[in-house]
Amino acid sequence: MTVSAVSNDAAREKFKTYLGTKGLRVTNQRLAIFEAAFAQTEHCTAEELLDHARAIDDSVSRATVYRTLPIMVESALLREIDIGKNLKYYLPNVEGGTEVSQVICLDCDKIFEINAPFLEWYGNSVASRVGLRPVSQRLQVSARCNALRDTGVCKHRPA
């Protein structure tokens, strides 16, 4: 069994348990959304996730996806990345993935995930200065593509 399979099994159990603590049922549709989300290796929107979930279970509704995503984010199973423009992306929050910052290309909306092991230390440091304990944090950098500026071509921009 691969490491990702073990992580997905543990995450699936965490999802089921979390649903129970919220008084919500574990349904085939919610499990299809979970499976679709955890099959992603790139950031995806709710609409893209809906398509992937429907490929697993065609009874998954748009409303169920939009109700399930906040639950998965709240349970720390998914990371939600809001790039503005009324557009949010989601990516599984794999083990060790909490100390990550995003660099967002303003030219093509590509999201780059960068390891940021200093985030936990930084969050603890600034929160403790005012007598608080951090519960979440995020670092996002918006940037422009050097290649697009210099050559007019960006390999991340759709053709």
C-alpha atoms as a PDB file:
ATOM      1  CA  MET A   1       0.000   0.000   0.000  1.00  0.00           C
ATOM      2  CA  THR A   2       1.338   3.429  -0.896  1.00  0.00           C
ATOM      3  CA  VAL A   3       1.814   6.309   1.511  1.00  0.00           C
ATOM      4  CA  SER A   4      -0.922   8.319  -0.223  1.00  0.00           C
ATOM      5  CA  ALA A   5      -3.347   5.390   0.097  1.00  0.00           C
ATOM      6  CA  VAL A   6      -2.679   5.248   3.837  1.00  0.00           C
ATOM      7  CA  SER A   7      -3.119   9.022   4.075  1.00  0.00           C
ATOM      8  CA  ASN A   8      -6.375   8.869   2.087  1.00  0.00           C
ATOM      9  CA  ASP A   9      -7.709   6.067   4.313  1.00  0.00           C
ATOM     10  CA  ALA A  10      -6.899   8.071   7.440  1.00  0.00           C
ATOM     11  CA  ALA A  11      -8.359  11.231   5.909  1.00  0.00           C
ATOM     12  CA  ARG A  12     -11.538   9.363   4.886  1.00  0.00           C
ATOM     13  CA  GLU A  13     -11.980   8.124   8.461  1.00  0.00           C
ATOM     14  CA  LYS A  14     -11.349  11.635   9.785  1.00  0.00           C
ATOM     15  CA  PHE A  15     -14.013  12.945   7.386  1.00  0.00           C
ATOM     16  CA  LYS A  16     -16.555  10.347   8.497  1.00  0.00           C
ATOM     17  CA  THR A  17     -15.825  11.048  12.161  1.00  0.00           C
ATOM     18  CA  TYR A  18     -16.035  14.806  11.632  1.00  0.00           C
ATOM     19  CA  LEU A  19     -19.406  14.464   9.891  1.00  0.00           C
ATOM     20  CA  GLY A  20     -20.629  12.476  12.904  1.00  0.00           C
ATOM     21  CA  THR A  21     -19.494  15.138  15.364  1.00  0.00           C
ATOM     22  CA  LYS A  22     -21.499  17.689  13.359  1.00  0.00           C
ATOM     23  CA  GLY A  23     -24.579  15.477  13.376  1.00  0.00           C
ATOM     24  CA  LEU A  24     -24.326  14.920   9.616  1.00  0.00           C
ATOM     25  CA  ARG A  25     -24.816  11.645   7.812  1.00  0.00           C
ATOM     26  CA  VAL A  26     -22.075   9.920   5.830  1.00  0.00           C
ATOM     27  CA  THR A  27     -23.672   9.687   2.382  1.00  0.00           C
ATOM     28  CA  ASN A  28     -22.472   8.245  -0.903  1.00  0.00           C
ATOM     29  CA  GLN A  29     -22.530  11.761  -2.360  1.00  0.00           C
ATOM     30  CA  ARG A  30     -20.323  13.186   0.394  1.00  0.00           C
ATOM     31  CA  LEU A  31     -17.930  10.263   0.025  1.00  0.00           C
ATOM     32  CA  ALA A  32     -17.801  10.806  -3.751  1.00  0.00           C
ATOM     33  CA  ILE A  33     -16.906  14.464  -3.125  1.00  0.00           C
ATOM     34  CA  PHE A  34     -14.206  13.354  -0.694  1.00  0.00           C
ATOM     35  CA  GLU A  35     -12.806  10.827  -3.187  1.00  0.00           C
ATOM     36  CA  ALA A  36     -12.867  13.378  -6.006  1.00  0.00           C
ATOM     37  CA  ALA A  37     -11.109  15.988  -3.851  1.00  0.00           C
ATOM     38  CA  PHE A  38      -8.409  13.602  -2.676  1.00  0.00           C
ATOM     39  CA  ALA A  39      -7.740  12.402  -6.212  1.00  0.00           C
ATOM     40  CA  GLN A  40      -6.669  15.931  -7.191  1.00  0.00           C
ATOM     41  CA  THR A  41      -3.003  16.790  -7.498  1.00  0.00           C
ATOM     42  CA  GLU A  42      -3.660  20.342  -8.689  1.00  0.00           C
ATOM     43  CA  HIS A  43      -5.877  23.071  -7.268  1.00  0.00           C
ATOM     44  CA  CYS A  44      -9.466  22.832  -8.460  1.00  0.00           C
ATOM     45  CA  THR A  45     -12.592  24.943  -8.211  1.00  0.00           C
ATOM     46  CA  ALA A  46     -15.894  23.779  -6.746  1.00  0.00           C
ATOM     47  CA  GLU A  47     -17.282  23.407 -10.258  1.00  0.00           C
ATOM     48  CA  GLU A  48     -14.322  21.257 -11.343  1.00  0.00           C
ATOM     49  CA  LEU A  49     -14.737  19.195  -8.193  1.00  0.00           C
ATOM     50  CA  LEU A  50     -18.435  18.757  -9.031  1.00  0.00           C
ATOM     51  CA  ASP A  51     -17.475  17.275 -12.414  1.00  0.00           C
ATOM     52  CA  HIS A  52     -14.950  14.911 -10.798  1.00  0.00           C
ATOM     53  CA  ALA A  53     -17.440  13.847  -8.101  1.00  0.00           C
ATOM     54  CA  ARG A  54     -20.170  13.208 -10.687  1.00  0.00           C
ATOM     55  CA  ALA A  55     -17.764  10.914 -12.541  1.00  0.00           C
ATOM     56  CA  ILE A  56     -17.727   8.820  -9.342  1.00  0.00           C
ATOM     57  CA  ASP A  57     -21.426   9.185  -8.474  1.00  0.00           C
ATOM     58  CA  ASP A  58     -23.714  10.912 -10.956  1.00  0.00           C
ATOM     59  CA  SER A  59     -26.236  11.725  -8.209  1.00  0.00           C
ATOM     60  CA  VAL A  60     -23.900  14.327  -6.624  1.00  0.00           C
ATOM     61  CA  SER A  61     -25.595  17.713  -6.735  1.00  0.00           C
ATOM     62  CA  ARG A  62     -24.025  21.133  -6.996  1.00  0.00           C
ATOM     63  CA  ALA A  63     -25.666  22.080  -3.677  1.00  0.00           C
ATOM     64  CA  THR A  64     -24.091  19.081  -1.925  1.00  0.00           C
ATOM     65  CA  VAL A  65     -20.644  20.067  -3.222  1.00  0.00           C
ATOM     66  CA  TYR A  66     -21.083  23.656  -2.048  1.00  0.00           C
ATOM     67  CA  ARG A  67     -22.338  22.495   1.375  1.00  0.00           C
ATOM     68  CA  THR A  68     -19.605  19.855   1.774  1.00  0.00           C
ATOM     69  CA  LEU A  69     -16.590  22.005   0.844  1.00  0.00           C
ATOM     70  CA  PRO A  70     -16.822  24.261   3.952  1.00  0.00           C
ATOM     71  CA  ILE A  71     -17.109  21.142   6.126  1.00  0.00           C
ATOM     72  CA  MET A  72     -13.955  19.693   4.558  1.00  0.00           C
ATOM     73  CA  VAL A  73     -12.126  23.009   4.996  1.00  0.00           C
ATOM     74  CA  GLU A  74     -13.300  23.366   8.621  1.00  0.00           C
ATOM     75  CA  SER A  75     -12.081  19.843   9.369  1.00  0.00           C
ATOM     76  CA  ALA A  76      -8.656  20.728   7.861  1.00  0.00           C
ATOM     77  CA  LEU A  77      -9.007  18.055   5.172  1.00  0.00           C
ATOM     78  CA  LEU A  78      -8.939  20.630   2.370  1.00  0.00           C
ATOM     79  CA  ARG A  79      -7.165  23.924   1.994  1.00  0.00           C
ATOM     80  CA  GLU A  80      -9.214  26.729   0.496  1.00  0.00           C
ATOM     81  CA  ILE A  81      -7.267  29.276  -1.512  1.00  0.00           C
ATOM     82  CA  ASP A  82      -9.141  32.482  -2.292  1.00  0.00           C
ATOM     83  CA  ILE A  83      -7.408  34.300  -5.144  1.00  0.00           C
ATOM     84  CA  GLY A  84      -9.982  37.070  -5.315  1.00  0.00           C
ATOM     85  CA  LYS A  85     -12.020  37.539  -8.472  1.00  0.00           C
ATOM     86  CA  ASN A  86     -14.796  35.578  -6.672  1.00  0.00           C
ATOM     87  CA  LEU A  87     -12.727  32.455  -7.278  1.00  0.00           C
ATOM     88  CA  LYS A  88     -11.720  29.855  -4.689  1.00  0.00           C
ATOM     89  CA  TYR A  89      -9.569  26.807  -5.261  1.00  0.00           C
ATOM     90  CA  TYR A  90      -9.275  23.663  -3.166  1.00  0.00           C
ATOM     91  CA  LEU A  91      -6.502  21.159  -2.589  1.00  0.00           C
ATOM     92  CA  PRO A  92      -6.248  18.218  -0.185  1.00  0.00           C
ATOM     93  CA  ASN A  93      -4.401  19.125   2.974  1.00  0.00           C
ATOM     94  CA  VAL A  94      -1.970  16.207   3.012  1.00  0.00           C
ATOM     95  CA  GLU A  95       0.114  15.416   6.080  1.00  0.00           C
ATOM     96  CA  GLY A  96       2.724  18.062   6.700  1.00  0.00           C
ATOM     97  CA  GLY A  97       0.941  20.388   4.299  1.00  0.00           C
ATOM     98  CA  THR A  98      -0.086  23.016   6.824  1.00  0.00           C
ATOM     99  CA  GLU A  99       3.109  25.040   6.591  1.00  0.00           C
ATOM    100  CA  VAL A 100       2.581  26.106   3.000  1.00  0.00           C
ATOM    101  CA  SER A 101       2.310  29.483   1.374  1.00  0.00           C
ATOM    102  CA  GLN A 102       0.823  30.223  -1.992  1.00  0.00           C
ATOM    103  CA  VAL A 103       2.286  32.335  -4.749  1.00  0.00           C
ATOM    104  CA  ILE A 104      -0.477  33.305  -7.153  1.00  0.00           C
ATOM    105  CA  CYS A 105       0.334  34.439 -10.673  1.00  0.00           C
ATOM    106  CA  LEU A 106      -1.889  37.405 -11.490  1.00  0.00           C
ATOM    107  CA  ASP A 107      -1.380  36.790 -15.207  1.00  0.00           C
ATOM    108  CA  CYS A 108      -2.687  33.196 -15.399  1.00  0.00           C
ATOM    109  CA  ASP A 109      -4.138  32.488 -11.901  1.00  0.00           C
ATOM    110  CA  LYS A 110      -1.722  29.564 -11.451  1.00  0.00           C
ATOM    111  CA  ILE A 111      -1.214  28.769  -7.770  1.00  0.00           C
ATOM    112  CA  PHE A 112       2.222  27.615  -6.678  1.00  0.00           C
ATOM    113  CA  GLU A 113       2.535  25.863  -3.309  1.00  0.00           C
ATOM    114  CA  ILE A 114       5.764  26.676  -1.487  1.00  0.00           C
ATOM    115  CA  ASN A 115       6.964  24.975   1.705  1.00  0.00           C
ATOM    116  CA  ALA A 116       7.093  27.573   4.451  1.00  0.00           C
ATOM    117  CA  PRO A 117       8.311  25.850   7.629  1.00  0.00           C
ATOM    118  CA  PHE A 118       8.614  29.218   9.384  1.00  0.00           C
ATOM    119  CA  LEU A 119       4.836  29.786   9.371  1.00  0.00           C
ATOM    120  CA  GLU A 120       4.117  27.920  12.604  1.00  0.00           C
ATOM    121  CA  TRP A 121       6.893  29.773  14.418  1.00  0.00           C
ATOM    122  CA  TYR A 122       5.783  33.108  12.986  1.00  0.00           C
ATOM    123  CA  GLY A 123       2.105  32.564  13.874  1.00  0.00           C
ATOM    124  CA  ASN A 124       2.988  31.548  17.429  1.00  0.00           C
ATOM    125  CA  SER A 125       5.372  34.489  17.821  1.00  0.00           C
ATOM    126  CA  VAL A 126       3.023  37.241  16.704  1.00  0.00           C
ATOM    127  CA  ALA A 127      -0.069  35.813  18.415  1.00  0.00           C
ATOM    128  CA  SER A 128       1.706  35.256  21.738  1.00  0.00           C
ATOM    129  CA  ARG A 129       2.808  38.913  21.775  1.00  0.00           C
ATOM    130  CA  VAL A 130      -0.812  39.879  22.292  1.00  0.00           C
ATOM    131  CA  GLY A 131      -1.729  36.910  24.494  1.00  0.00           C
ATOM    132  CA  LEU A 132      -3.412  34.803  21.823  1.00  0.00           C
ATOM    133  CA  ARG A 133      -2.964  31.332  20.348  1.00  0.00           C
ATOM    134  CA  PRO A 134      -3.181  30.982  16.549  1.00  0.00           C
ATOM    135  CA  VAL A 135      -5.842  28.696  15.118  1.00  0.00           C
ATOM    136  CA  SER A 136      -5.150  29.362  11.444  1.00  0.00           C
ATOM    137  CA  GLN A 137      -2.881  31.401   9.258  1.00  0.00           C
ATOM    138  CA  ARG A 138      -2.026  31.833   5.628  1.00  0.00           C
ATOM    139  CA  LEU A 139       0.553  33.529   3.525  1.00  0.00           C
ATOM    140  CA  GLN A 140      -0.314  34.458  -0.033  1.00  0.00           C
ATOM    141  CA  VAL A 141       1.907  36.328  -2.421  1.00  0.00           C
ATOM    142  CA  SER A 142       0.463  37.784  -5.614  1.00  0.00           C
ATOM    143  CA  ALA A 143       3.017  38.068  -8.393  1.00  0.00           C
ATOM    144  CA  ARG A 144       3.461  38.728 -12.105  1.00  0.00           C
ATOM    145  CA  CYS A 145       5.091  36.298 -14.545  1.00  0.00           C
ATOM    146  CA  ASN A 146       8.644  37.273 -15.541  1.00  0.00           C
ATOM    147  CA  ALA A 147       8.580  35.042 -18.634  1.00  0.00           C
ATOM    148  CA  LEU A 148       5.351  36.641 -19.868  1.00  0.00           C
ATOM    149  CA  ARG A 149       6.776  40.115 -19.323  1.00  0.00           C
ATOM    150  CA  ASP A 150      10.114  39.302 -21.011  1.00  0.00           C
ATOM    151  CA  THR A 151       9.009  37.041 -23.878  1.00  0.00           C
ATOM    152  CA  GLY A 152       5.248  37.402 -24.102  1.00  0.00           C
ATOM    153  CA  VAL A 153       4.856  33.679 -23.331  1.00  0.00           C
ATOM    154  CA  CYS A 154       4.025  31.965 -20.063  1.00  0.00           C
ATOM    155  CA  LYS A 155       4.170  28.157 -19.910  1.00  0.00           C
ATOM    156  CA  HIS A 156       1.441  28.144 -17.236  1.00  0.00           C
ATOM    157  CA  ARG A 157      -1.029  30.251 -19.193  1.00  0.00           C
ATOM    158  CA  PRO A 158      -3.655  28.331 -21.174  1.00  0.00           C
ATOM    159  CA  ALA A 159      -3.207  28.664 -24.933  1.00  0.00           C
END
